Amino acid sequence: MKATLISFLLFACGSTCDAQEYSPIKDDFAHTFSIVARDSTTGEMAVGVQSHWFSVGSSVSWGKAGVGVVATQSFINPAYGPRGLELMSEGRNATAALEELVAKDEGKAFRQVAFLDASGEAAAFTGEKCVEAASHLVGRNFSVQANMMLNDEVVPAMEKAFKENHDLPLAERVVKVLQAAQIAGGDIRGKQSAALIVVGAEEVENPWEEKKIDLRVDDHDEPLVELERLLTVARAYEYMNRGDLAMEDGDVQEALEQYGEAQKMFPDNLEMRYWTAIALANDGRLEEALPLFHSIFEEDDNWRTMTKRLPASGLLTVSQEELEKITKR
């Protein structure tokens, strides 16, 4: 990556600046295909993207719960992200917000941008200088867009995949759209990175609550394969988190059910097996827990050491005799 582009990106990421303050550097470009989408049932909104470009998710994808999502690509102007979300949070719909920023942008001929607001309205813009094949398709609750593709079949394939996979959760649906784009030809240069964000339907008070899913594959031979794997892991940990909450509430049976679902998705994960064993022990089902504990300790003895520390924090509620039975070698 050239120094001029690095300087541009560092400067352009300032969220207080308007789009008209940037003009294109006619040298390096960041080309990609992406989707902005909304689940009509849950109201969740997402951005999914893949590119032959390092760490594409750090520049293309933007989202704010209860407000909208933005994908800014081709010759990226990062200001479209924070400024677009700001305008939509002030009451502009996706079309009005995008038109306002494009009108001020001296480099608009090089841009490709898509906005989607919390009502499901989407809007997109593809500048005349975007490298062929470049186009977008906008529908209710989605927009798909791509530039520098191998052929002009990529964008229609994305639209088709979005409509056909309506029964899937939004994140999984977006991954299917990206996979369809790659199958249709994808980026003419190949593939390197991918990203997926999902934000909720309602505005949140705390910034750490903004993204329900935030996954990035910055550099990989098969970024979509890795993105799909990470999404599966993320779903497994959602079950783990629900199990932990059930444990905090004293509902051991619910915790066991949630931990069990997590293990089905990620069976080789020691930690998921471990907290299942802890839940069983806390529920007085020590004989069921012991084989799990012993198999875990055989793979990594550090878990034995940690088990001895848990009673002091209240996370393991067994007698000293039972603790010794669990941790004996």
Protein backbone atom coordinates (compact mmCIF):
# COMPACT_ATOMS: atom_id res chain seq x y z
CA MET A 1 0.00 0.00 0.00
CA LYS A 2 1.50 3.33 -0.97
CA ALA A 3 2.28 6.02 1.56
CA THR A 4 -0.05 8.49 -0.12
CA LEU A 5 -3.00 6.14 0.32
CA ILE A 6 -2.13 5.45 3.95
CA SER A 7 -2.00 9.16 4.65
CA PHE A 8 -5.34 9.62 2.88
CA LEU A 9 -7.06 6.91 4.88
CA LEU A 10 -5.71 8.17 8.20
CA PHE A 11 -6.90 11.67 7.39
CA ALA A 12 -10.22 10.68 5.91
CA CYS A 13 -11.38 8.63 8.89
CA GLY A 14 -12.26 11.75 10.89
CA SER A 15 -15.99 11.52 11.58
CA THR A 16 -16.52 15.27 11.86
CA CYS A 17 -15.59 16.00 8.24
CA ASP A 18 -17.95 16.38 5.33
CA ALA A 19 -17.56 14.45 2.08
CA GLN A 20 -16.70 17.53 0.05
CA GLU A 21 -13.37 17.86 1.89
CA TYR A 22 -11.97 14.85 0.01
CA SER A 23 -10.94 14.50 -3.59
CA PRO A 24 -9.79 11.27 -5.23
CA ILE A 25 -6.18 10.20 -5.44
CA LYS A 26 -5.99 8.67 -8.90
CA ASP A 27 -3.66 5.88 -7.92
CA ASP A 28 -4.71 3.11 -5.48
CA PHE A 29 -8.26 1.82 -5.24
CA ALA A 30 -10.12 -0.51 -2.87
CA HIS A 31 -12.54 -2.54 -5.01
CA THR A 32 -15.02 -5.00 -3.62
CA PHE A 33 -18.52 -6.46 -3.56
CA SER A 34 -20.89 -5.88 -0.65
CA ILE A 35 -24.45 -6.00 0.62
CA VAL A 36 -26.37 -3.81 3.05
CA ALA A 37 -29.49 -5.55 4.29
CA ARG A 38 -32.26 -5.57 6.87
CA ASP A 39 -34.26 -8.43 8.37
CA SER A 40 -37.91 -7.47 7.97
CA THR A 41 -38.89 -9.58 11.01
CA THR A 42 -36.26 -8.64 13.60
CA GLY A 43 -35.29 -5.24 12.20
CA GLU A 44 -31.59 -6.13 12.42
CA MET A 45 -29.36 -4.55 9.78
CA ALA A 46 -26.11 -5.85 8.31
CA VAL A 47 -23.17 -5.15 6.03
CA GLY A 48 -21.27 -7.99 4.38
CA VAL A 49 -18.23 -7.50 2.17
CA GLN A 50 -15.38 -9.35 0.45
CA SER A 51 -12.45 -7.94 -1.52
CA HIS A 52 -8.97 -8.58 -2.84
CA TRP A 53 -7.78 -5.92 -0.41
CA PHE A 54 -6.26 -6.14 3.04
CA SER A 55 -8.63 -5.62 5.98
CA VAL A 56 -11.60 -4.51 3.90
CA GLY A 57 -13.89 -4.46 6.92
CA SER A 58 -11.93 -1.67 8.56
CA SER A 59 -12.95 0.77 5.82
CA VAL A 60 -16.11 -0.41 4.03
CA SER A 61 -18.57 -1.41 6.78
CA TRP A 62 -20.41 1.02 9.07
CA GLY A 63 -23.48 0.58 11.22
CA LYS A 64 -25.46 2.04 14.10
CA ALA A 65 -28.24 0.21 15.91
CA GLY A 66 -31.69 1.64 15.28
CA VAL A 67 -30.32 3.99 12.61
CA GLY A 68 -28.85 2.21 9.61
CA VAL A 69 -25.83 0.75 7.83
CA VAL A 70 -23.42 2.00 5.18
CA ALA A 71 -21.04 0.37 2.71
CA THR A 72 -18.50 2.73 1.12
CA GLN A 73 -16.21 1.24 -1.53
CA SER A 74 -14.48 1.50 -4.92
CA PHE A 75 -12.21 4.46 -4.14
CA ILE A 76 -13.24 4.56 -0.50
CA ASN A 77 -14.30 7.79 1.12
CA PRO A 78 -14.60 6.73 4.80
CA ALA A 79 -16.49 9.94 5.64
CA TYR A 80 -19.61 8.44 4.06
CA GLY A 81 -19.80 6.01 7.00
CA PRO A 82 -19.99 8.28 10.05
CA ARG A 83 -21.58 11.18 8.16
CA GLY A 84 -24.21 8.96 6.58
CA LEU A 85 -25.13 7.45 9.94
CA GLU A 86 -25.26 10.90 11.48
CA LEU A 87 -27.64 12.18 8.82
CA MET A 88 -29.90 9.14 9.14
CA SER A 89 -29.92 9.51 12.93
CA GLU A 90 -31.08 13.11 12.39
CA GLY A 91 -34.08 11.87 10.43
CA ARG A 92 -32.95 11.69 6.79
CA ASN A 93 -33.96 8.52 5.02
CA ALA A 94 -31.30 6.52 3.18
CA THR A 95 -31.96 8.21 -0.16
CA ALA A 96 -31.85 11.76 1.17
CA ALA A 97 -28.72 11.12 3.25
CA LEU A 98 -26.84 9.54 0.36
CA GLU A 99 -27.87 12.22 -2.14
CA GLU A 100 -26.73 14.96 0.23
CA LEU A 101 -23.25 13.51 0.62
CA VAL A 102 -22.79 12.58 -3.03
CA ALA A 103 -23.74 16.11 -4.08
CA LYS A 104 -20.90 17.51 -1.96
CA ASP A 105 -18.28 14.97 -3.03
CA GLU A 106 -15.82 16.17 -5.68
CA GLY A 107 -14.66 12.57 -6.11
CA LYS A 108 -18.11 11.06 -6.59
CA ALA A 109 -17.26 9.67 -10.02
CA PHE A 110 -14.90 7.22 -8.28
CA ARG A 111 -17.24 6.21 -5.45
CA GLN A 112 -19.58 3.32 -4.89
CA VAL A 113 -21.77 3.68 -1.82
CA ALA A 114 -24.89 2.08 -0.35
CA PHE A 115 -27.06 3.29 2.55
CA LEU A 116 -29.86 1.46 4.32
CA ASP A 117 -32.00 2.97 7.08
CA ALA A 118 -33.94 1.42 9.94
CA SER A 119 -37.21 1.48 7.97
CA GLY A 120 -35.72 -0.77 5.28
CA GLU A 121 -35.26 1.90 2.62
CA ALA A 122 -32.02 1.41 0.68
CA ALA A 123 -30.16 3.68 -1.72
CA ALA A 124 -26.98 3.20 -3.73
CA PHE A 125 -24.65 5.16 -5.99
CA THR A 126 -22.08 3.90 -8.50
CA GLY A 127 -19.82 6.56 -9.97
CA GLU A 128 -19.07 6.61 -13.67
CA LYS A 129 -15.33 6.10 -13.06
CA CYS A 130 -15.76 2.86 -11.10
CA VAL A 131 -13.89 0.07 -12.83
CA GLU A 132 -15.92 -2.40 -14.92
CA ALA A 133 -17.80 -4.52 -14.08
CA ALA A 134 -19.50 -2.11 -11.69
CA SER A 135 -23.18 -1.85 -10.79
CA HIS A 136 -25.73 -2.03 -8.00
CA LEU A 137 -29.27 -3.30 -7.47
CA VAL A 138 -31.57 -1.86 -4.82
CA GLY A 139 -34.69 -3.45 -3.38
CA ARG A 140 -36.80 -3.32 -0.26
CA ASN A 141 -34.54 -4.05 2.75
CA PHE A 142 -31.34 -4.48 0.71
CA SER A 143 -28.83 -3.15 -1.75
CA VAL A 144 -26.09 -5.18 -3.46
CA GLN A 145 -23.17 -3.49 -5.21
CA ALA A 146 -19.84 -4.40 -6.76
CA ASN A 147 -17.02 -2.97 -8.83
CA MET A 148 -13.99 -4.41 -10.64
CA MET A 149 -15.79 -7.73 -10.93
CA LEU A 150 -14.87 -10.48 -13.34
CA ASN A 151 -18.22 -10.12 -15.09
CA ASP A 152 -21.61 -8.42 -14.88
CA GLU A 153 -23.27 -11.52 -13.43
CA VAL A 154 -22.02 -10.92 -9.88
CA VAL A 155 -24.56 -8.32 -8.74
CA PRO A 156 -27.63 -10.18 -10.11
CA ALA A 157 -26.38 -13.34 -8.39
CA MET A 158 -26.22 -11.46 -5.11
CA GLU A 159 -29.77 -10.17 -5.47
CA LYS A 160 -31.01 -13.67 -6.27
CA ALA A 161 -29.25 -15.18 -3.26
CA PHE A 162 -30.68 -12.55 -0.92
CA LYS A 163 -34.22 -13.23 -2.07
CA GLU A 164 -33.87 -17.02 -2.08
CA ASN A 165 -32.43 -17.27 1.45
CA HIS A 166 -35.17 -15.29 3.20
CA ASP A 167 -35.68 -18.09 5.76
CA LEU A 168 -32.16 -17.72 7.23
CA PRO A 169 -31.10 -15.41 10.05
CA LEU A 170 -29.74 -12.16 8.63
CA ALA A 171 -26.04 -12.88 9.23
CA GLU A 172 -26.21 -16.30 7.58
CA ARG A 173 -28.27 -14.84 4.75
CA VAL A 174 -25.62 -12.21 4.09
CA VAL A 175 -22.89 -14.86 3.97
CA LYS A 176 -24.92 -16.74 1.35
CA VAL A 177 -25.07 -13.55 -0.73
CA LEU A 178 -21.30 -13.11 -0.56
CA GLN A 179 -20.75 -16.74 -1.49
CA ALA A 180 -23.05 -16.34 -4.49
CA ALA A 181 -21.03 -13.33 -5.63
CA GLN A 182 -17.81 -15.32 -5.47
CA ILE A 183 -19.32 -18.27 -7.31
CA ALA A 184 -20.51 -15.94 -10.06
CA GLY A 185 -16.98 -14.65 -10.62
CA GLY A 186 -16.23 -12.20 -7.84
CA ASP A 187 -13.39 -9.70 -7.84
CA ILE A 188 -11.33 -10.01 -11.03
CA ARG A 189 -8.16 -9.92 -8.89
CA GLY A 190 -9.20 -12.73 -6.55
CA LYS A 191 -9.95 -12.65 -2.82
CA GLN A 192 -8.16 -11.62 0.37
CA SER A 193 -10.41 -10.28 3.13
CA ALA A 194 -14.04 -10.24 4.25
CA ALA A 195 -16.18 -8.79 7.02
CA LEU A 196 -19.66 -8.95 8.52
CA ILE A 197 -21.40 -6.64 10.95
CA VAL A 198 -24.95 -6.83 12.32
CA VAL A 199 -26.62 -4.09 14.36
CA GLY A 200 -29.94 -4.17 16.16
CA ALA A 201 -33.29 -2.60 15.35
CA GLU A 202 -33.34 -0.32 18.39
CA GLU A 203 -30.94 2.43 19.35
CA VAL A 204 -28.71 1.57 22.31
CA GLU A 205 -27.38 3.62 25.17
CA ASN A 206 -23.86 2.19 25.33
CA PRO A 207 -21.44 2.10 22.39
CA TRP A 208 -20.33 -1.45 23.20
CA GLU A 209 -23.88 -2.63 22.56
CA GLU A 210 -23.96 -1.34 18.96
CA LYS A 211 -22.92 -4.49 17.11
CA LYS A 212 -24.53 -7.86 17.64
CA ILE A 213 -22.02 -9.44 15.28
CA ASP A 214 -18.66 -7.96 14.30
CA LEU A 215 -16.44 -10.36 12.37
CA ARG A 216 -13.41 -9.60 10.22
CA VAL A 217 -11.09 -11.77 8.17
CA ASP A 218 -8.27 -9.39 7.32
CA ASP A 219 -6.00 -11.67 5.25
CA HIS A 220 -6.87 -15.20 4.16
CA ASP A 221 -6.68 -17.46 1.12
CA GLU A 222 -10.39 -18.26 1.51
CA PRO A 223 -11.90 -15.33 3.41
CA LEU A 224 -15.53 -16.40 3.00
CA VAL A 225 -14.79 -19.92 4.24
CA GLU A 226 -13.15 -18.40 7.29
CA LEU A 227 -15.95 -15.85 7.75
CA GLU A 228 -18.55 -18.62 7.74
CA ARG A 229 -16.51 -20.59 10.29
CA LEU A 230 -16.23 -17.55 12.56
CA LEU A 231 -19.96 -16.97 12.33
CA THR A 232 -20.57 -20.54 13.49
CA VAL A 233 -18.20 -20.00 16.42
CA ALA A 234 -19.95 -16.72 17.24
CA ARG A 235 -23.32 -18.47 17.29
CA ALA A 236 -21.91 -21.15 19.61
CA TYR A 237 -20.70 -18.48 22.01
CA GLU A 238 -24.14 -16.87 21.97
CA TYR A 239 -25.41 -20.11 23.50
CA MET A 240 -22.52 -20.02 25.99
CA ASN A 241 -23.41 -16.48 27.01
CA ARG A 242 -27.03 -17.45 27.54
CA GLY A 243 -25.85 -20.39 29.61
CA ASP A 244 -23.71 -18.12 31.75
CA LEU A 245 -26.68 -15.82 32.35
CA ALA A 246 -28.79 -18.81 33.35
CA MET A 247 -26.08 -19.86 35.81
CA GLU A 248 -26.09 -16.38 37.32
CA ASP A 249 -29.86 -16.70 37.78
CA GLY A 250 -29.46 -20.12 39.38
CA ASP A 251 -31.24 -21.94 36.55
CA VAL A 252 -28.82 -24.82 36.10
CA GLN A 253 -31.06 -26.84 33.80
CA GLU A 254 -31.39 -23.91 31.39
CA ALA A 255 -27.62 -23.40 31.55
CA LEU A 256 -27.03 -27.04 30.67
CA GLU A 257 -29.35 -26.81 27.70
CA GLN A 258 -27.60 -23.70 26.40
CA TYR A 259 -24.13 -25.16 26.94
CA GLY A 260 -25.27 -28.34 25.19
CA GLU A 261 -26.34 -26.39 22.11
CA ALA A 262 -22.96 -24.62 22.08
CA GLN A 263 -21.12 -27.93 22.18
CA LYS A 264 -23.09 -29.26 19.24
CA MET A 265 -21.82 -26.36 17.16
CA PHE A 266 -18.24 -26.38 18.49
CA PRO A 267 -17.60 -29.89 19.88
CA ASP A 268 -13.82 -29.59 20.16
CA ASN A 269 -13.86 -26.53 22.39
CA LEU A 270 -12.59 -27.42 25.88
CA GLU A 271 -14.12 -24.42 27.58
CA MET A 272 -17.62 -25.28 26.45
CA ARG A 273 -17.23 -28.80 27.81
CA TYR A 274 -15.71 -27.43 31.00
CA TRP A 275 -18.59 -25.12 31.93
CA THR A 276 -21.03 -27.92 31.21
CA ALA A 277 -19.14 -30.00 33.79
CA ILE A 278 -19.25 -27.11 36.26
CA ALA A 279 -23.00 -26.74 35.78
CA LEU A 280 -23.53 -30.47 36.35
CA ALA A 281 -21.42 -30.40 39.52
CA ASN A 282 -23.31 -27.39 40.84
CA ASP A 283 -26.58 -29.21 40.16
CA GLY A 284 -25.50 -32.13 42.35
CA ARG A 285 -24.83 -34.36 39.36
CA LEU A 286 -21.19 -34.99 40.19
CA GLU A 287 -21.04 -38.49 38.73
CA GLU A 288 -22.09 -37.11 35.35
CA ALA A 289 -19.58 -34.29 35.63
CA LEU A 290 -16.52 -36.34 36.59
CA PRO A 291 -15.87 -37.98 33.18
CA LEU A 292 -16.06 -34.55 31.56
CA PHE A 293 -13.64 -33.03 34.06
CA HIS A 294 -11.15 -35.87 33.70
CA SER A 295 -11.19 -35.81 29.88
CA ILE A 296 -10.58 -32.05 29.95
CA PHE A 297 -7.72 -32.33 32.46
CA GLU A 298 -6.07 -34.99 30.31
CA GLU A 299 -5.97 -32.54 27.41
CA ASP A 300 -4.91 -29.50 29.43
CA ASP A 301 -4.04 -29.71 33.11
CA ASN A 302 -4.42 -25.94 33.59
CA TRP A 303 -8.16 -26.52 33.84
CA ARG A 304 -7.53 -28.66 36.97
CA THR A 305 -5.68 -25.75 38.54
CA MET A 306 -8.46 -23.33 37.67
CA THR A 307 -11.09 -25.66 39.12
CA LYS A 308 -9.39 -25.44 42.52
CA ARG A 309 -9.76 -21.65 42.37
CA LEU A 310 -13.45 -21.48 41.49
CA PRO A 311 -15.04 -22.21 44.91
CA ALA A 312 -13.56 -18.99 46.32
CA SER A 313 -15.41 -16.99 43.66
CA GLY A 314 -18.65 -18.89 44.10
CA LEU A 315 -18.58 -20.33 40.58
CA LEU A 316 -18.22 -23.91 41.84
CA THR A 317 -20.48 -24.80 44.78
CA VAL A 318 -19.24 -28.21 45.91
CA SER A 319 -17.88 -29.50 49.18
CA GLN A 320 -14.15 -29.79 49.83
CA GLU A 321 -14.47 -33.55 49.56
CA GLU A 322 -16.20 -33.27 46.19
CA LEU A 323 -13.60 -30.75 44.99
CA GLU A 324 -10.83 -33.18 45.83
CA LYS A 325 -12.67 -35.91 43.98
CA ILE A 326 -12.92 -33.69 40.91
CA THR A 327 -9.29 -32.55 40.92
CA LYS A 328 -7.46 -35.66 42.08
CA ARG A 329 -4.86 -37.00 39.69
